[in-house]
Amino acid sequence: MNLPKDLLYTEEHEWIKKEDGKVRIGITDFAQDELGDIVFVELPEEGDEIEVDEPFGSVESVKTVSELYAPISGKVVEVNEELEDSPEFVNESPYDKAWMIVVEPADETDLDNLLSAEQYEKAVKED
């Protein structure tokens, strides 16, 4: 399982990368592996507001549809449009090509509730 140490994680299997006052969000290697082949990704639009712990989109695999949960509240400032035509990027490159959205946080203290790579790995192994 690939878990970059410089990212933060949620128990719902999203990863978060802090970048110049914004955060980039995607799903973990563990999540894409559990879901299987991703065939469709539904994401919000630029300008949409997302709320912490609320669904902001979904990924559909050959096995199931799984909701994506917002790790923070804020405004969507960028959306990875490439995933519309190439949902397989989620399986091939969950941390690089398959980032999903970039959010301007409403409150950076939301990040205090996220997990380190070590904490996430421990949580996954306990499931």
C-alpha atoms as a PDB file:
ATOM      1  CA  MET A   1       0.000   0.000   0.000  1.00  0.00           C
ATOM      2  CA  ASN A   2       1.455   3.314  -1.099  1.00  0.00           C
ATOM      3  CA  LEU A   3       1.052   6.018   1.595  1.00  0.00           C
ATOM      4  CA  PRO A   4       3.031   9.206   0.965  1.00  0.00           C
ATOM      5  CA  LYS A   5       4.221  10.570   4.328  1.00  0.00           C
ATOM      6  CA  ASP A   6       3.718  14.235   3.314  1.00  0.00           C
ATOM      7  CA  LEU A   7      -0.075  13.851   3.003  1.00  0.00           C
ATOM      8  CA  LEU A   8      -2.904  13.827   5.526  1.00  0.00           C
ATOM      9  CA  TYR A   9      -5.681  11.231   5.439  1.00  0.00           C
ATOM     10  CA  THR A  10      -9.282  10.609   6.516  1.00  0.00           C
ATOM     11  CA  GLU A  11     -10.839   7.428   7.849  1.00  0.00           C
ATOM     12  CA  GLU A  12     -13.078   7.561   4.746  1.00  0.00           C
ATOM     13  CA  HIS A  13      -9.930   7.062   2.591  1.00  0.00           C
ATOM     14  CA  GLU A  14      -9.371  10.553   1.177  1.00  0.00           C
ATOM     15  CA  TRP A  15      -5.902  12.094   1.055  1.00  0.00           C
ATOM     16  CA  ILE A  16      -5.174  15.785   1.534  1.00  0.00           C
ATOM     17  CA  LYS A  17      -2.151  17.777   0.418  1.00  0.00           C
ATOM     18  CA  LYS A  18      -1.612  21.313   1.725  1.00  0.00           C
ATOM     19  CA  GLU A  19      -0.513  23.725  -1.040  1.00  0.00           C
ATOM     20  CA  ASP A  20      -0.107  27.488  -0.563  1.00  0.00           C
ATOM     21  CA  GLY A  21      -3.188  28.011   1.600  1.00  0.00           C
ATOM     22  CA  LYS A  22      -5.284  25.555  -0.402  1.00  0.00           C
ATOM     23  CA  VAL A  23      -5.730  21.789  -0.176  1.00  0.00           C
ATOM     24  CA  ARG A  24      -5.695  19.180  -2.941  1.00  0.00           C
ATOM     25  CA  ILE A  25      -7.927  16.143  -2.321  1.00  0.00           C
ATOM     26  CA  GLY A  26      -8.081  12.633  -3.799  1.00  0.00           C
ATOM     27  CA  ILE A  27      -8.667   9.046  -2.707  1.00  0.00           C
ATOM     28  CA  THR A  28      -6.004   6.746  -1.335  1.00  0.00           C
ATOM     29  CA  ASP A  29      -4.234   3.848  -2.979  1.00  0.00           C
ATOM     30  CA  PHE A  30      -5.990   1.575  -0.468  1.00  0.00           C
ATOM     31  CA  ALA A  31      -9.420   2.922  -1.514  1.00  0.00           C
ATOM     32  CA  GLN A  32      -8.861   2.514  -5.249  1.00  0.00           C
ATOM     33  CA  ASP A  33      -7.546  -1.020  -4.663  1.00  0.00           C
ATOM     34  CA  GLU A  34     -10.640  -1.949  -2.612  1.00  0.00           C
ATOM     35  CA  LEU A  35     -13.008  -0.441  -5.198  1.00  0.00           C
ATOM     36  CA  GLY A  36     -11.460  -2.158  -8.203  1.00  0.00           C
ATOM     37  CA  ASP A  37     -11.567  -0.712 -11.723  1.00  0.00           C
ATOM     38  CA  ILE A  38     -12.935   2.838 -11.594  1.00  0.00           C
ATOM     39  CA  VAL A  39     -15.318   3.560 -14.492  1.00  0.00           C
ATOM     40  CA  PHE A  40     -16.787   6.961 -13.542  1.00  0.00           C
ATOM     41  CA  VAL A  41     -15.952   9.892 -11.263  1.00  0.00           C
ATOM     42  CA  GLU A  42     -18.529  12.528 -10.287  1.00  0.00           C
ATOM     43  CA  LEU A  43     -17.097  15.749  -8.861  1.00  0.00           C
ATOM     44  CA  PRO A  44     -18.464  19.166  -7.840  1.00  0.00           C
ATOM     45  CA  GLU A  45     -17.988  22.241 -10.017  1.00  0.00           C
ATOM     46  CA  GLU A  46     -15.588  25.112  -9.485  1.00  0.00           C
ATOM     47  CA  GLY A  47     -17.162  27.619  -7.131  1.00  0.00           C
ATOM     48  CA  ASP A  48     -19.199  25.000  -5.239  1.00  0.00           C
ATOM     49  CA  GLU A  49     -19.016  25.014  -1.446  1.00  0.00           C
ATOM     50  CA  ILE A  50     -18.294  21.745   0.334  1.00  0.00           C
ATOM     51  CA  GLU A  51     -18.933  20.931   4.006  1.00  0.00           C
ATOM     52  CA  VAL A  52     -16.692  18.834   6.229  1.00  0.00           C
ATOM     53  CA  ASP A  53     -17.887  15.193   6.504  1.00  0.00           C
ATOM     54  CA  GLU A  54     -20.539  15.732   3.788  1.00  0.00           C
ATOM     55  CA  PRO A  55     -20.446  13.986   0.370  1.00  0.00           C
ATOM     56  CA  PHE A  56     -18.923  16.092  -2.420  1.00  0.00           C
ATOM     57  CA  GLY A  57     -18.919  13.518  -5.209  1.00  0.00           C
ATOM     58  CA  SER A  58     -18.614   9.831  -5.950  1.00  0.00           C
ATOM     59  CA  VAL A  59     -16.520   7.212  -7.686  1.00  0.00           C
ATOM     60  CA  GLU A  60     -18.111   4.326  -9.521  1.00  0.00           C
ATOM     61  CA  SER A  61     -16.273   1.061 -10.034  1.00  0.00           C
ATOM     62  CA  VAL A  62     -17.290  -2.165 -11.693  1.00  0.00           C
ATOM     63  CA  LYS A  63     -18.231  -3.379  -8.182  1.00  0.00           C
ATOM     64  CA  THR A  64     -19.932  -0.425  -6.476  1.00  0.00           C
ATOM     65  CA  VAL A  65     -20.512   3.324  -6.160  1.00  0.00           C
ATOM     66  CA  SER A  66     -18.707   5.008  -3.275  1.00  0.00           C
ATOM     67  CA  GLU A  67     -19.323   8.533  -2.012  1.00  0.00           C
ATOM     68  CA  LEU A  68     -16.457  10.955  -1.467  1.00  0.00           C
ATOM     69  CA  TYR A  69     -16.547  12.825   1.843  1.00  0.00           C
ATOM     70  CA  ALA A  70     -15.148  16.308   2.317  1.00  0.00           C
ATOM     71  CA  PRO A  71     -12.236  16.365   4.773  1.00  0.00           C
ATOM     72  CA  ILE A  72     -12.675  20.134   5.182  1.00  0.00           C
ATOM     73  CA  SER A  73     -15.236  22.856   4.505  1.00  0.00           C
ATOM     74  CA  GLY A  74     -14.495  25.410   1.824  1.00  0.00           C
ATOM     75  CA  LYS A  75     -14.840  26.554  -1.770  1.00  0.00           C
ATOM     76  CA  VAL A  76     -13.846  24.366  -4.719  1.00  0.00           C
ATOM     77  CA  VAL A  77     -11.327  26.385  -6.754  1.00  0.00           C
ATOM     78  CA  GLU A  78     -10.153  23.670  -9.155  1.00  0.00           C
ATOM     79  CA  VAL A  79     -11.551  20.376 -10.457  1.00  0.00           C
ATOM     80  CA  ASN A  80      -9.583  17.634 -12.227  1.00  0.00           C
ATOM     81  CA  GLU A  81     -11.550  17.567 -15.486  1.00  0.00           C
ATOM     82  CA  GLU A  82      -9.296  14.813 -16.887  1.00  0.00           C
ATOM     83  CA  LEU A  83     -11.036  12.270 -14.646  1.00  0.00           C
ATOM     84  CA  GLU A  84     -14.246  12.735 -16.657  1.00  0.00           C
ATOM     85  CA  ASP A  85     -12.609  11.168 -19.730  1.00  0.00           C
ATOM     86  CA  SER A  86      -9.985   9.063 -17.901  1.00  0.00           C
ATOM     87  CA  PRO A  87     -11.429   7.669 -14.650  1.00  0.00           C
ATOM     88  CA  GLU A  88      -8.803   4.904 -14.819  1.00  0.00           C
ATOM     89  CA  PHE A  89      -6.253   7.480 -13.565  1.00  0.00           C
ATOM     90  CA  VAL A  90      -7.693   6.799 -10.090  1.00  0.00           C
ATOM     91  CA  ASN A  91      -6.383   3.228 -10.313  1.00  0.00           C
ATOM     92  CA  GLU A  92      -3.158   4.075 -12.122  1.00  0.00           C
ATOM     93  CA  SER A  93      -2.015   7.127 -10.179  1.00  0.00           C
ATOM     94  CA  PRO A  94      -4.194   7.977  -7.136  1.00  0.00           C
ATOM     95  CA  TYR A  95      -1.739  10.568  -5.739  1.00  0.00           C
ATOM     96  CA  ASP A  96      -0.615  12.295  -8.930  1.00  0.00           C
ATOM     97  CA  LYS A  97      -2.839  12.193 -12.012  1.00  0.00           C
ATOM     98  CA  ALA A  98      -6.012  11.403 -10.055  1.00  0.00           C
ATOM     99  CA  TRP A  99      -6.251  14.305  -7.623  1.00  0.00           C
ATOM    100  CA  MET A 100      -9.910  15.284  -7.603  1.00  0.00           C
ATOM    101  CA  ILE A 101     -10.439  18.829  -6.338  1.00  0.00           C
ATOM    102  CA  VAL A 102      -8.558  21.787  -4.894  1.00  0.00           C
ATOM    103  CA  VAL A 103     -10.331  23.617  -2.069  1.00  0.00           C
ATOM    104  CA  GLU A 104      -9.819  26.984  -0.414  1.00  0.00           C
ATOM    105  CA  PRO A 105     -10.463  26.067   3.236  1.00  0.00           C
ATOM    106  CA  ALA A 106     -13.107  27.986   5.178  1.00  0.00           C
ATOM    107  CA  ASP A 107     -11.353  27.033   8.423  1.00  0.00           C
ATOM    108  CA  GLU A 108      -7.875  25.503   8.461  1.00  0.00           C
ATOM    109  CA  THR A 109      -8.502  23.995  11.904  1.00  0.00           C
ATOM    110  CA  ASP A 110     -10.518  21.302  10.025  1.00  0.00           C
ATOM    111  CA  LEU A 111      -7.084  19.909   9.103  1.00  0.00           C
ATOM    112  CA  ASP A 112      -6.350  19.231  12.790  1.00  0.00           C
ATOM    113  CA  ASN A 113      -8.788  16.301  12.699  1.00  0.00           C
ATOM    114  CA  LEU A 114      -6.986  14.451   9.896  1.00  0.00           C
ATOM    115  CA  LEU A 115      -4.679  11.456  10.183  1.00  0.00           C
ATOM    116  CA  SER A 116      -0.960  11.128   9.500  1.00  0.00           C
ATOM    117  CA  ALA A 117       0.188   8.342   7.154  1.00  0.00           C
ATOM    118  CA  GLU A 118       1.046   6.204  10.200  1.00  0.00           C
ATOM    119  CA  GLN A 119      -2.348   6.788  11.843  1.00  0.00           C
ATOM    120  CA  TYR A 120      -4.175   6.029   8.596  1.00  0.00           C
ATOM    121  CA  GLU A 121      -2.190   2.835   8.009  1.00  0.00           C
ATOM    122  CA  LYS A 122      -3.018   1.675  11.546  1.00  0.00           C
ATOM    123  CA  ALA A 123      -6.737   2.483  11.041  1.00  0.00           C
ATOM    124  CA  VAL A 124      -6.827   0.530   7.759  1.00  0.00           C
ATOM    125  CA  LYS A 125      -5.167  -2.513   9.322  1.00  0.00           C
ATOM    126  CA  GLU A 126      -7.700  -2.505  12.181  1.00  0.00           C
ATOM    127  CA  ASP A 127     -10.675  -2.660   9.757  1.00  0.00           C
END
